[in-house]
Amino acid sequence: MTEHRPGPSEFNRQVIEEFRANGGTVGGMFQGATLALLTTTGARSGRPRTNPVVYLRDRDQIFVFGSNAGRPKNPDWHHNLRADPRCTVEIGTGDGRIATYAATAEPVEGAERDRIYDIQCRRDPAFTAYQAGTSRTIPVIALTRAAPGAGEERNQAIARFLVRVHDDLRADLAAIRAEVDDYFAGRHANGQAAPYGSARPRLDRKLAQHCLLFCDALHGHHTNEDGAFADFEKQFPHLTPALDRIRSEHRLVAQAVTDLQALLANLTSEAGEPSIATSAPEARDTPPPSRTGTDDAATFLAELERLASQLEEHFAYEEAHLLPALTGEPPRTG
């Protein structure tokens, strides 16, 4: 039986996934190597392309090598850097995290190129074999970290805004849950119990409007986030799996909100009476549930709790993955 060996693209993908999952360390043929991920812009496609590369840190600079394992041609990422020297570098920090930053690539020529390549050959004899196996001169490229500028300030502002919006939504949802609990428990200002039994419980219109405003705010927040994710992926390629999950969670939350709005429509209307909840676009497209009586209230309470649980897990995941990239600080713990 022939052993399956992954092609170059699949092999790179596996290394990239292992690198990002393990804080910048990998096993196999790269075990013990000083490995980084280099993301360039495709010269023809214009799309981000990520490749694992061996690097050398000398003084205050990072150098990478276009060895391509001694093949006749330079690697594709080298061609991309010649067309656009701007790139993104991911390097393990040694404490389980990955530092990601923008950099500019510049070829190293002449005696300085030979000096850097000789250092790398002494560190890893495979590079001696790579140069001996090809007639081309293996390129040495210096990667210089881009100076902090408007982009980093913008990311810091986005991080602060994200935290503020999440905190506001958390507080608003907590207030709604308390109001709903009080309402259905019958703890009104006049101290009278709400009429359960055969009477169909109706939600107070002011409370229903509060719920709808929260749903609209949540929908707007997630729509804005989805629009920003394409830029995040270019800046922080390692976030792609997390952003894919966040997008998926946005769809799940949107469905939970739609279900909640349909229940609101049922709880704020009587037969023949227009519903306050039908003003929401999602509710207009979704017929209200057919249940009546106290089952409506119980289902609404259960759906509200389900949404609250989904959101807290979603917010925590977003903050754990987006904030460290945007701020350059360690992930939140606790």
C-alpha atoms as a PDB file:
ATOM      1  CA  MET A   1       0.000   0.000   0.000  1.00  0.00           C
ATOM      2  CA  THR A   2       1.435   3.353  -1.054  1.00  0.00           C
ATOM      3  CA  GLU A   3       1.800   5.921   1.719  1.00  0.00           C
ATOM      4  CA  HIS A   4      -0.028   9.158   1.011  1.00  0.00           C
ATOM      5  CA  ARG A   5       2.288  12.142   1.020  1.00  0.00           C
ATOM      6  CA  PRO A   6       0.704  15.574   0.975  1.00  0.00           C
ATOM      7  CA  GLY A   7       1.446  17.908  -1.920  1.00  0.00           C
ATOM      8  CA  PRO A   8       3.180  21.254  -1.289  1.00  0.00           C
ATOM      9  CA  SER A   9      -0.071  23.186  -0.771  1.00  0.00           C
ATOM     10  CA  GLU A  10      -1.517  20.628   1.622  1.00  0.00           C
ATOM     11  CA  PHE A  11       1.783  20.320   3.469  1.00  0.00           C
ATOM     12  CA  ASN A  12       1.994  24.101   3.911  1.00  0.00           C
ATOM     13  CA  ARG A  13      -1.597  24.182   5.147  1.00  0.00           C
ATOM     14  CA  GLN A  14      -0.858  21.513   7.751  1.00  0.00           C
ATOM     15  CA  VAL A  15       2.255  23.341   8.956  1.00  0.00           C
ATOM     16  CA  ILE A  16       0.389  26.660   9.147  1.00  0.00           C
ATOM     17  CA  GLU A  17      -2.456  25.132  11.158  1.00  0.00           C
ATOM     18  CA  GLU A  18      -0.013  23.420  13.547  1.00  0.00           C
ATOM     19  CA  PHE A  19       2.002  26.635  13.928  1.00  0.00           C
ATOM     20  CA  ARG A  20      -1.056  28.695  14.839  1.00  0.00           C
ATOM     21  CA  ALA A  21      -2.533  26.030  17.093  1.00  0.00           C
ATOM     22  CA  ASN A  22       0.702  25.597  19.073  1.00  0.00           C
ATOM     23  CA  GLY A  23       1.890  29.155  19.568  1.00  0.00           C
ATOM     24  CA  GLY A  24       4.495  29.081  16.799  1.00  0.00           C
ATOM     25  CA  THR A  25       6.009  25.606  17.284  1.00  0.00           C
ATOM     26  CA  VAL A  26       5.699  22.615  14.946  1.00  0.00           C
ATOM     27  CA  GLY A  27       6.994  19.082  14.786  1.00  0.00           C
ATOM     28  CA  GLY A  28       8.139  16.878  11.934  1.00  0.00           C
ATOM     29  CA  MET A  29      10.813  18.161   9.587  1.00  0.00           C
ATOM     30  CA  PHE A  30      10.545  21.680  11.066  1.00  0.00           C
ATOM     31  CA  GLN A  31      10.909  20.614  14.689  1.00  0.00           C
ATOM     32  CA  GLY A  32      13.428  22.873  16.412  1.00  0.00           C
ATOM     33  CA  ALA A  33      13.629  25.250  13.444  1.00  0.00           C
ATOM     34  CA  THR A  34      13.125  28.982  13.822  1.00  0.00           C
ATOM     35  CA  LEU A  35       9.923  29.137  11.822  1.00  0.00           C
ATOM     36  CA  ALA A  36       7.739  32.101  10.926  1.00  0.00           C
ATOM     37  CA  LEU A  37       4.662  32.537   8.770  1.00  0.00           C
ATOM     38  CA  LEU A  38       5.016  35.066   5.975  1.00  0.00           C
ATOM     39  CA  THR A  39       1.909  36.457   4.295  1.00  0.00           C
ATOM     40  CA  THR A  40       2.399  38.226   0.986  1.00  0.00           C
ATOM     41  CA  THR A  41       0.015  39.592  -1.606  1.00  0.00           C
ATOM     42  CA  GLY A  42      -0.295  37.429  -4.715  1.00  0.00           C
ATOM     43  CA  ALA A  43       1.323  39.225  -7.643  1.00  0.00           C
ATOM     44  CA  ARG A  44      -1.393  38.044 -10.021  1.00  0.00           C
ATOM     45  CA  SER A  45      -4.356  37.267  -7.786  1.00  0.00           C
ATOM     46  CA  GLY A  46      -4.018  40.151  -5.322  1.00  0.00           C
ATOM     47  CA  ARG A  47      -5.049  37.744  -2.566  1.00  0.00           C
ATOM     48  CA  PRO A  48      -3.101  37.058   0.660  1.00  0.00           C
ATOM     49  CA  ARG A  49      -0.767  34.044   0.458  1.00  0.00           C
ATOM     50  CA  THR A  50       0.759  32.546   3.599  1.00  0.00           C
ATOM     51  CA  ASN A  51       3.869  30.364   3.659  1.00  0.00           C
ATOM     52  CA  PRO A  52       6.001  28.913   6.462  1.00  0.00           C
ATOM     53  CA  VAL A  53       9.587  30.196   6.231  1.00  0.00           C
ATOM     54  CA  VAL A  54      12.751  29.604   8.235  1.00  0.00           C
ATOM     55  CA  TYR A  55      14.105  32.851   9.604  1.00  0.00           C
ATOM     56  CA  LEU A  56      17.293  34.145  11.161  1.00  0.00           C
ATOM     57  CA  ARG A  57      17.297  36.911  13.730  1.00  0.00           C
ATOM     58  CA  ASP A  58      20.494  38.952  13.494  1.00  0.00           C
ATOM     59  CA  ARG A  59      20.848  42.085  15.546  1.00  0.00           C
ATOM     60  CA  ASP A  60      17.497  43.874  15.270  1.00  0.00           C
ATOM     61  CA  GLN A  61      16.348  42.342  11.988  1.00  0.00           C
ATOM     62  CA  ILE A  62      14.636  39.204  10.699  1.00  0.00           C
ATOM     63  CA  PHE A  63      15.984  37.515   7.569  1.00  0.00           C
ATOM     64  CA  VAL A  64      14.277  34.857   5.472  1.00  0.00           C
ATOM     65  CA  PHE A  65      15.694  32.733   2.661  1.00  0.00           C
ATOM     66  CA  GLY A  66      14.258  31.906  -0.752  1.00  0.00           C
ATOM     67  CA  SER A  67      15.827  28.454  -0.785  1.00  0.00           C
ATOM     68  CA  ASN A  68      12.802  26.589  -2.122  1.00  0.00           C
ATOM     69  CA  ALA A  69      14.701  23.469  -0.933  1.00  0.00           C
ATOM     70  CA  GLY A  70      17.329  24.008  -3.670  1.00  0.00           C
ATOM     71  CA  ARG A  71      14.877  23.911  -6.578  1.00  0.00           C
ATOM     72  CA  PRO A  72      15.734  25.772  -9.814  1.00  0.00           C
ATOM     73  CA  LYS A  73      13.270  28.649  -9.243  1.00  0.00           C
ATOM     74  CA  ASN A  74      12.732  31.087  -6.428  1.00  0.00           C
ATOM     75  CA  PRO A  75       9.620  30.448  -4.324  1.00  0.00           C
ATOM     76  CA  ASP A  76       6.355  32.155  -5.261  1.00  0.00           C
ATOM     77  CA  TRP A  77       6.393  34.276  -2.111  1.00  0.00           C
ATOM     78  CA  HIS A  78       9.690  35.833  -3.281  1.00  0.00           C
ATOM     79  CA  HIS A  79       8.055  36.795  -6.576  1.00  0.00           C
ATOM     80  CA  ASN A  80       5.145  38.322  -4.618  1.00  0.00           C
ATOM     81  CA  LEU A  81       7.509  40.404  -2.469  1.00  0.00           C
ATOM     82  CA  ARG A  82       9.249  41.782  -5.549  1.00  0.00           C
ATOM     83  CA  ALA A  83       5.855  43.000  -6.769  1.00  0.00           C
ATOM     84  CA  ASP A  84       4.752  44.308  -3.358  1.00  0.00           C
ATOM     85  CA  PRO A  85       7.264  44.378  -0.478  1.00  0.00           C
ATOM     86  CA  ARG A  86       4.578  44.865   2.150  1.00  0.00           C
ATOM     87  CA  CYS A  87       3.901  41.706   4.130  1.00  0.00           C
ATOM     88  CA  THR A  88       2.721  40.274   7.451  1.00  0.00           C
ATOM     89  CA  VAL A  89       4.926  38.254   9.784  1.00  0.00           C
ATOM     90  CA  GLU A  90       3.812  35.785  12.461  1.00  0.00           C
ATOM     91  CA  ILE A  91       6.418  34.592  14.983  1.00  0.00           C
ATOM     92  CA  GLY A  92       6.037  32.585  18.171  1.00  0.00           C
ATOM     93  CA  THR A  93       6.942  34.566  21.294  1.00  0.00           C
ATOM     94  CA  GLY A  94       8.094  31.539  23.302  1.00  0.00           C
ATOM     95  CA  ASP A  95       5.258  31.770  25.830  1.00  0.00           C
ATOM     96  CA  GLY A  96       2.529  30.138  23.759  1.00  0.00           C
ATOM     97  CA  ARG A  97       1.516  33.299  21.902  1.00  0.00           C
ATOM     98  CA  ILE A  98       2.114  34.506  18.359  1.00  0.00           C
ATOM     99  CA  ALA A  99       3.312  38.016  17.577  1.00  0.00           C
ATOM    100  CA  THR A 100       1.833  39.356  14.347  1.00  0.00           C
ATOM    101  CA  TYR A 101       3.050  42.534  12.706  1.00  0.00           C
ATOM    102  CA  ALA A 102       3.310  44.340   9.390  1.00  0.00           C
ATOM    103  CA  ALA A 103       6.724  44.455   7.762  1.00  0.00           C
ATOM    104  CA  THR A 104       8.524  45.626   4.651  1.00  0.00           C
ATOM    105  CA  ALA A 105      10.748  43.258   2.658  1.00  0.00           C
ATOM    106  CA  GLU A 106      14.082  44.329   1.185  1.00  0.00           C
ATOM    107  CA  PRO A 107      16.575  42.089  -0.648  1.00  0.00           C
ATOM    108  CA  VAL A 108      20.052  41.773   0.872  1.00  0.00           C
ATOM    109  CA  GLU A 109      22.821  41.883  -1.693  1.00  0.00           C
ATOM    110  CA  GLY A 110      26.575  41.388  -2.008  1.00  0.00           C
ATOM    111  CA  ALA A 111      28.839  40.784   0.970  1.00  0.00           C
ATOM    112  CA  GLU A 112      26.052  41.340   3.484  1.00  0.00           C
ATOM    113  CA  ARG A 113      23.938  38.692   1.762  1.00  0.00           C
ATOM    114  CA  ASP A 114      26.868  36.263   1.917  1.00  0.00           C
ATOM    115  CA  ARG A 115      27.461  37.011   5.587  1.00  0.00           C
ATOM    116  CA  ILE A 116      23.849  36.371   6.570  1.00  0.00           C
ATOM    117  CA  TYR A 117      23.594  33.225   4.445  1.00  0.00           C
ATOM    118  CA  ASP A 118      26.831  31.867   5.926  1.00  0.00           C
ATOM    119  CA  ILE A 119      25.443  32.326   9.440  1.00  0.00           C
ATOM    120  CA  GLN A 120      22.331  30.386   8.427  1.00  0.00           C
ATOM    121  CA  CYS A 121      24.415  27.577   6.858  1.00  0.00           C
ATOM    122  CA  ARG A 122      26.371  27.184  10.091  1.00  0.00           C
ATOM    123  CA  ARG A 123      23.122  27.009  12.013  1.00  0.00           C
ATOM    124  CA  ASP A 124      21.470  24.586   9.577  1.00  0.00           C
ATOM    125  CA  PRO A 125      23.708  22.636   7.137  1.00  0.00           C
ATOM    126  CA  ALA A 126      20.687  21.944   4.921  1.00  0.00           C
ATOM    127  CA  PHE A 127      21.084  25.462   3.541  1.00  0.00           C
ATOM    128  CA  THR A 128      24.569  24.598   2.335  1.00  0.00           C
ATOM    129  CA  ALA A 129      23.059  21.697   0.414  1.00  0.00           C
ATOM    130  CA  TYR A 130      20.288  23.910  -0.977  1.00  0.00           C
ATOM    131  CA  GLN A 131      22.798  26.381  -2.459  1.00  0.00           C
ATOM    132  CA  ALA A 132      25.016  23.577  -3.809  1.00  0.00           C
ATOM    133  CA  GLY A 133      22.015  22.005  -5.549  1.00  0.00           C
ATOM    134  CA  THR A 134      21.012  25.020  -7.630  1.00  0.00           C
ATOM    135  CA  SER A 135      22.723  27.426 -10.034  1.00  0.00           C
ATOM    136  CA  ARG A 136      20.762  30.426  -8.778  1.00  0.00           C
ATOM    137  CA  THR A 137      21.904  32.528  -5.851  1.00  0.00           C
ATOM    138  CA  ILE A 138      19.428  31.875  -3.041  1.00  0.00           C
ATOM    139  CA  PRO A 139      17.865  35.225  -2.099  1.00  0.00           C
ATOM    140  CA  VAL A 140      18.182  36.633   1.399  1.00  0.00           C
ATOM    141  CA  ILE A 141      15.414  39.046   2.360  1.00  0.00           C
ATOM    142  CA  ALA A 142      15.382  41.411   5.333  1.00  0.00           C
ATOM    143  CA  LEU A 143      11.990  41.919   6.964  1.00  0.00           C
ATOM    144  CA  THR A 144      11.783  45.230   8.758  1.00  0.00           C
ATOM    145  CA  ARG A 145       8.914  45.784  11.117  1.00  0.00           C
ATOM    146  CA  ALA A 146       6.731  48.689  10.059  1.00  0.00           C
ATOM    147  CA  ALA A 147       6.836  51.659  12.413  1.00  0.00           C
ATOM    148  CA  PRO A 148       3.714  52.169  14.531  1.00  0.00           C
ATOM    149  CA  GLY A 149       1.366  54.525  12.781  1.00  0.00           C
ATOM    150  CA  ALA A 150      -2.224  55.368  12.055  1.00  0.00           C
ATOM    151  CA  GLY A 151      -3.076  51.721  11.382  1.00  0.00           C
ATOM    152  CA  GLU A 152      -2.120  50.611  14.879  1.00  0.00           C
ATOM    153  CA  GLU A 153      -3.903  53.583  16.439  1.00  0.00           C
ATOM    154  CA  ARG A 154      -7.015  52.654  14.455  1.00  0.00           C
ATOM    155  CA  ASN A 155      -6.799  49.049  15.672  1.00  0.00           C
ATOM    156  CA  GLN A 156      -6.511  50.242  19.263  1.00  0.00           C
ATOM    157  CA  ALA A 157      -9.615  52.389  18.759  1.00  0.00           C
ATOM    158  CA  ILE A 158     -11.501  49.430  17.230  1.00  0.00           C
ATOM    159  CA  ALA A 159     -10.566  47.279  20.238  1.00  0.00           C
ATOM    160  CA  ARG A 160     -11.830  49.914  22.688  1.00  0.00           C
ATOM    161  CA  PHE A 161     -15.038  50.308  20.697  1.00  0.00           C
ATOM    162  CA  LEU A 162     -15.584  46.529  20.593  1.00  0.00           C
ATOM    163  CA  VAL A 163     -15.248  46.243  24.365  1.00  0.00           C
ATOM    164  CA  ARG A 164     -17.546  49.222  24.935  1.00  0.00           C
ATOM    165  CA  VAL A 165     -20.257  47.861  22.610  1.00  0.00           C
ATOM    166  CA  HIS A 166     -20.071  44.396  24.176  1.00  0.00           C
ATOM    167  CA  ASP A 167     -20.298  45.858  27.674  1.00  0.00           C
ATOM    168  CA  ASP A 168     -23.264  48.030  26.663  1.00  0.00           C
ATOM    169  CA  LEU A 169     -25.064  45.072  25.084  1.00  0.00           C
ATOM    170  CA  ARG A 170     -24.363  42.908  28.135  1.00  0.00           C
ATOM    171  CA  ALA A 171     -25.765  45.566  30.456  1.00  0.00           C
ATOM    172  CA  ASP A 172     -28.817  46.148  28.249  1.00  0.00           C
ATOM    173  CA  LEU A 173     -29.578  42.435  28.041  1.00  0.00           C
ATOM    174  CA  ALA A 174     -29.205  42.044  31.810  1.00  0.00           C
ATOM    175  CA  ALA A 175     -31.678  44.898  32.320  1.00  0.00           C
ATOM    176  CA  ILE A 176     -34.170  43.330  29.900  1.00  0.00           C
ATOM    177  CA  ARG A 177     -33.910  39.948  31.631  1.00  0.00           C
ATOM    178  CA  ALA A 178     -34.577  41.573  35.006  1.00  0.00           C
ATOM    179  CA  GLU A 179     -37.562  43.514  33.620  1.00  0.00           C
ATOM    180  CA  VAL A 180     -38.995  40.401  31.971  1.00  0.00           C
ATOM    181  CA  ASP A 181     -38.558  38.331  35.142  1.00  0.00           C
ATOM    182  CA  ASP A 182     -40.328  41.007  37.175  1.00  0.00           C
ATOM    183  CA  TYR A 183     -43.125  41.339  34.655  1.00  0.00           C
ATOM    184  CA  PHE A 184     -43.974  37.681  34.365  1.00  0.00           C
ATOM    185  CA  ALA A 185     -43.589  37.134  38.103  1.00  0.00           C
ATOM    186  CA  GLY A 186     -46.285  39.776  38.553  1.00  0.00           C
ATOM    187  CA  ARG A 187     -44.117  42.147  40.582  1.00  0.00           C
ATOM    188  CA  HIS A 188     -45.745  45.310  39.238  1.00  0.00           C
ATOM    189  CA  ALA A 189     -45.534  48.702  40.836  1.00  0.00           C
ATOM    190  CA  ASN A 190     -49.034  48.182  42.245  1.00  0.00           C
ATOM    191  CA  GLY A 191     -48.064  44.826  43.744  1.00  0.00           C
ATOM    192  CA  GLN A 192     -50.746  42.930  41.800  1.00  0.00           C
ATOM    193  CA  ALA A 193     -49.954  39.540  40.282  1.00  0.00           C
ATOM    194  CA  ALA A 194     -50.150  39.142  36.543  1.00  0.00           C
ATOM    195  CA  PRO A 195     -53.239  37.242  35.417  1.00  0.00           C
ATOM    196  CA  TYR A 196     -52.079  33.759  34.467  1.00  0.00           C
ATOM    197  CA  GLY A 197     -54.604  30.917  34.201  1.00  0.00           C
ATOM    198  CA  SER A 198     -56.725  30.943  31.088  1.00  0.00           C
ATOM    199  CA  ALA A 199     -55.963  34.551  30.256  1.00  0.00           C
ATOM    200  CA  ARG A 200     -53.318  35.020  27.583  1.00  0.00           C
ATOM    201  CA  PRO A 201     -50.373  36.947  29.099  1.00  0.00           C
ATOM    202  CA  ARG A 202     -49.491  40.025  27.093  1.00  0.00           C
ATOM    203  CA  LEU A 203     -46.126  41.723  27.279  1.00  0.00           C
ATOM    204  CA  ASP A 204     -46.063  45.368  28.278  1.00  0.00           C
ATOM    205  CA  ARG A 205     -45.469  47.476  25.165  1.00  0.00           C
ATOM    206  CA  LYS A 206     -42.695  49.543  26.728  1.00  0.00           C
ATOM    207  CA  LEU A 207     -40.838  46.368  27.701  1.00  0.00           C
ATOM    208  CA  ALA A 208     -41.417  44.879  24.242  1.00  0.00           C
ATOM    209  CA  GLN A 209     -40.012  48.027  22.647  1.00  0.00           C
ATOM    210  CA  HIS A 210     -36.920  47.728  24.864  1.00  0.00           C
ATOM    211  CA  CYS A 211     -36.447  44.152  23.616  1.00  0.00           C
ATOM    212  CA  LEU A 212     -36.810  45.224  19.988  1.00  0.00           C
ATOM    213  CA  LEU A 213     -34.326  48.079  20.351  1.00  0.00           C
ATOM    214  CA  PHE A 214     -31.817  45.635  21.794  1.00  0.00           C
ATOM    215  CA  CYS A 215     -32.375  43.235  18.885  1.00  0.00           C
ATOM    216  CA  ASP A 216     -31.859  46.061  16.379  1.00  0.00           C
ATOM    217  CA  ALA A 217     -28.663  47.197  18.113  1.00  0.00           C
ATOM    218  CA  LEU A 218     -27.285  43.657  18.170  1.00  0.00           C
ATOM    219  CA  HIS A 219     -28.108  43.137  14.489  1.00  0.00           C
ATOM    220  CA  GLY A 220     -26.403  46.417  13.549  1.00  0.00           C
ATOM    221  CA  HIS A 221     -23.294  45.557  15.568  1.00  0.00           C
ATOM    222  CA  HIS A 222     -22.880  42.165  13.915  1.00  0.00           C
ATOM    223  CA  THR A 223     -23.499  43.608  10.448  1.00  0.00           C
ATOM    224  CA  ASN A 224     -20.745  46.179  11.012  1.00  0.00           C
ATOM    225  CA  GLU A 225     -18.379  43.482  12.279  1.00  0.00           C
ATOM    226  CA  ASP A 226     -18.958  41.273   9.245  1.00  0.00           C
ATOM    227  CA  GLY A 227     -18.060  44.212   7.031  1.00  0.00           C
ATOM    228  CA  ALA A 228     -14.765  44.764   8.884  1.00  0.00           C
ATOM    229  CA  PHE A 229     -13.599  41.142   8.870  1.00  0.00           C
ATOM    230  CA  ALA A 230     -12.128  41.215   5.339  1.00  0.00           C
ATOM    231  CA  ASP A 231      -9.692  43.908   6.486  1.00  0.00           C
ATOM    232  CA  PHE A 232      -8.899  41.943   9.659  1.00  0.00           C
ATOM    233  CA  GLU A 233      -8.022  38.872   7.580  1.00  0.00           C
ATOM    234  CA  LYS A 234      -5.508  40.876   5.541  1.00  0.00           C
ATOM    235  CA  GLN A 235      -3.869  42.313   8.650  1.00  0.00           C
ATOM    236  CA  PHE A 236      -4.014  39.177  10.775  1.00  0.00           C
ATOM    237  CA  PRO A 237      -4.050  36.040   8.609  1.00  0.00           C
ATOM    238  CA  HIS A 238      -3.918  33.780  11.672  1.00  0.00           C
ATOM    239  CA  LEU A 239      -7.398  35.012  12.640  1.00  0.00           C
ATOM    240  CA  THR A 240      -9.096  33.424   9.616  1.00  0.00           C
ATOM    241  CA  PRO A 241     -10.353  30.291  11.481  1.00  0.00           C
ATOM    242  CA  ALA A 242     -11.618  32.422  14.386  1.00  0.00           C
ATOM    243  CA  LEU A 243     -13.327  34.879  12.023  1.00  0.00           C
ATOM    244  CA  ASP A 244     -15.020  31.999  10.184  1.00  0.00           C
ATOM    245  CA  ARG A 245     -16.409  30.768  13.515  1.00  0.00           C
ATOM    246  CA  ILE A 246     -17.525  34.278  14.504  1.00  0.00           C
ATOM    247  CA  ARG A 247     -19.351  34.700  11.181  1.00  0.00           C
ATOM    248  CA  SER A 248     -21.116  31.376  11.761  1.00  0.00           C
ATOM    249  CA  GLU A 249     -22.094  32.440  15.278  1.00  0.00           C
ATOM    250  CA  HIS A 250     -23.487  35.699  13.887  1.00  0.00           C
ATOM    251  CA  ARG A 251     -25.890  33.652  11.768  1.00  0.00           C
ATOM    252  CA  LEU A 252     -26.946  31.564  14.770  1.00  0.00           C
ATOM    253  CA  VAL A 253     -27.535  34.656  16.874  1.00  0.00           C
ATOM    254  CA  ALA A 254     -29.524  36.262  14.037  1.00  0.00           C
ATOM    255  CA  GLN A 255     -31.818  33.217  13.961  1.00  0.00           C
ATOM    256  CA  ALA A 256     -32.255  33.349  17.742  1.00  0.00           C
ATOM    257  CA  VAL A 257     -33.161  37.035  17.478  1.00  0.00           C
ATOM    258  CA  THR A 258     -35.692  36.287  14.732  1.00  0.00           C
ATOM    259  CA  ASP A 259     -37.301  33.601  16.913  1.00  0.00           C
ATOM    260  CA  LEU A 260     -37.450  36.027  19.829  1.00  0.00           C
ATOM    261  CA  GLN A 261     -39.051  38.723  17.686  1.00  0.00           C
ATOM    262  CA  ALA A 262     -41.722  36.284  16.511  1.00  0.00           C
ATOM    263  CA  LEU A 263     -42.543  35.458  20.129  1.00  0.00           C
ATOM    264  CA  LEU A 264     -42.671  39.170  20.925  1.00  0.00           C
ATOM    265  CA  ALA A 265     -45.224  39.592  18.142  1.00  0.00           C
ATOM    266  CA  ASN A 266     -47.407  36.958  19.763  1.00  0.00           C
ATOM    267  CA  LEU A 267     -47.062  38.349  23.267  1.00  0.00           C
ATOM    268  CA  THR A 268     -47.829  41.977  22.409  1.00  0.00           C
ATOM    269  CA  SER A 269     -50.934  41.479  20.282  1.00  0.00           C
ATOM    270  CA  GLU A 270     -54.506  40.337  20.618  1.00  0.00           C
ATOM    271  CA  ALA A 271     -56.637  38.853  17.899  1.00  0.00           C
ATOM    272  CA  GLY A 272     -57.043  41.457  15.173  1.00  0.00           C
ATOM    273  CA  GLU A 273     -54.676  43.916  16.843  1.00  0.00           C
ATOM    274  CA  PRO A 274     -51.468  44.952  15.080  1.00  0.00           C
ATOM    275  CA  SER A 275     -48.287  43.852  16.816  1.00  0.00           C
ATOM    276  CA  ILE A 276     -45.523  46.178  17.921  1.00  0.00           C
ATOM    277  CA  ALA A 277     -42.944  43.589  16.932  1.00  0.00           C
ATOM    278  CA  THR A 278     -43.947  43.532  13.278  1.00  0.00           C
ATOM    279  CA  SER A 279     -41.991  46.744  12.727  1.00  0.00           C
ATOM    280  CA  ALA A 280     -38.786  44.689  12.668  1.00  0.00           C
ATOM    281  CA  PRO A 281     -37.802  43.421   9.183  1.00  0.00           C
ATOM    282  CA  GLU A 282     -37.002  39.940  10.477  1.00  0.00           C
ATOM    283  CA  ALA A 283     -40.374  39.636  12.190  1.00  0.00           C
ATOM    284  CA  ARG A 284     -42.312  40.685   9.067  1.00  0.00           C
ATOM    285  CA  ASP A 285     -40.847  37.730   7.206  1.00  0.00           C
ATOM    286  CA  THR A 286     -41.477  35.194   9.968  1.00  0.00           C
ATOM    287  CA  PRO A 287     -45.045  34.241  10.946  1.00  0.00           C
ATOM    288  CA  PRO A 288     -45.664  34.361  14.711  1.00  0.00           C
ATOM    289  CA  PRO A 289     -45.935  31.080  16.597  1.00  0.00           C
ATOM    290  CA  SER A 290     -49.410  29.576  16.862  1.00  0.00           C
ATOM    291  CA  ARG A 291     -49.094  28.845  20.596  1.00  0.00           C
ATOM    292  CA  THR A 292     -51.290  30.884  22.914  1.00  0.00           C
ATOM    293  CA  GLY A 293     -51.711  31.189  26.652  1.00  0.00           C
ATOM    294  CA  THR A 294     -48.993  30.784  29.253  1.00  0.00           C
ATOM    295  CA  ASP A 295     -46.953  28.608  26.866  1.00  0.00           C
ATOM    296  CA  ASP A 296     -46.082  31.811  24.977  1.00  0.00           C
ATOM    297  CA  ALA A 297     -44.574  33.364  28.082  1.00  0.00           C
ATOM    298  CA  ALA A 298     -42.624  30.245  29.034  1.00  0.00           C
ATOM    299  CA  THR A 299     -41.244  29.897  25.515  1.00  0.00           C
ATOM    300  CA  PHE A 300     -40.296  33.577  25.388  1.00  0.00           C
ATOM    301  CA  LEU A 301     -38.433  33.306  28.699  1.00  0.00           C
ATOM    302  CA  ALA A 302     -36.602  30.185  27.507  1.00  0.00           C
ATOM    303  CA  GLU A 303     -35.618  31.830  24.202  1.00  0.00           C
ATOM    304  CA  LEU A 304     -34.396  34.949  25.987  1.00  0.00           C
ATOM    305  CA  GLU A 305     -32.190  32.831  28.252  1.00  0.00           C
ATOM    306  CA  ARG A 306     -30.902  30.875  25.264  1.00  0.00           C
ATOM    307  CA  LEU A 307     -29.985  34.113  23.469  1.00  0.00           C
ATOM    308  CA  ALA A 308     -28.258  35.444  26.601  1.00  0.00           C
ATOM    309  CA  SER A 309     -26.181  32.277  26.903  1.00  0.00           C
ATOM    310  CA  GLN A 310     -25.257  32.315  23.207  1.00  0.00           C
ATOM    311  CA  LEU A 311     -24.220  35.946  23.347  1.00  0.00           C
ATOM    312  CA  GLU A 312     -22.032  35.629  26.425  1.00  0.00           C
ATOM    313  CA  GLU A 313     -20.134  32.717  24.887  1.00  0.00           C
ATOM    314  CA  HIS A 314     -19.910  34.587  21.576  1.00  0.00           C
ATOM    315  CA  PHE A 315     -18.666  37.835  23.135  1.00  0.00           C
ATOM    316  CA  ALA A 316     -16.072  35.977  25.210  1.00  0.00           C
ATOM    317  CA  TYR A 317     -14.757  34.135  22.134  1.00  0.00           C
ATOM    318  CA  GLU A 318     -14.551  37.344  20.089  1.00  0.00           C
ATOM    319  CA  GLU A 319     -12.684  39.180  22.824  1.00  0.00           C
ATOM    320  CA  ALA A 320     -10.256  36.302  23.409  1.00  0.00           C
ATOM    321  CA  HIS A 321      -9.266  36.203  19.723  1.00  0.00           C
ATOM    322  CA  LEU A 322      -9.709  39.730  18.352  1.00  0.00           C
ATOM    323  CA  LEU A 323      -8.451  41.903  21.198  1.00  0.00           C
ATOM    324  CA  PRO A 324      -4.907  40.425  21.393  1.00  0.00           C
ATOM    325  CA  ALA A 325      -4.458  40.946  17.635  1.00  0.00           C
ATOM    326  CA  LEU A 326      -5.819  44.478  17.677  1.00  0.00           C
ATOM    327  CA  THR A 327      -3.943  45.643  20.783  1.00  0.00           C
ATOM    328  CA  GLY A 328      -0.830  43.442  20.766  1.00  0.00           C
ATOM    329  CA  GLU A 329      -1.555  42.565  24.399  1.00  0.00           C
ATOM    330  CA  PRO A 330      -1.876  39.059  25.912  1.00  0.00           C
ATOM    331  CA  PRO A 331      -5.310  37.386  25.721  1.00  0.00           C
ATOM    332  CA  ARG A 332      -7.808  38.107  28.458  1.00  0.00           C
ATOM    333  CA  THR A 333      -7.960  35.417  31.117  1.00  0.00           C
ATOM    334  CA  GLY A 334     -10.482  34.522  33.774  1.00  0.00           C
END
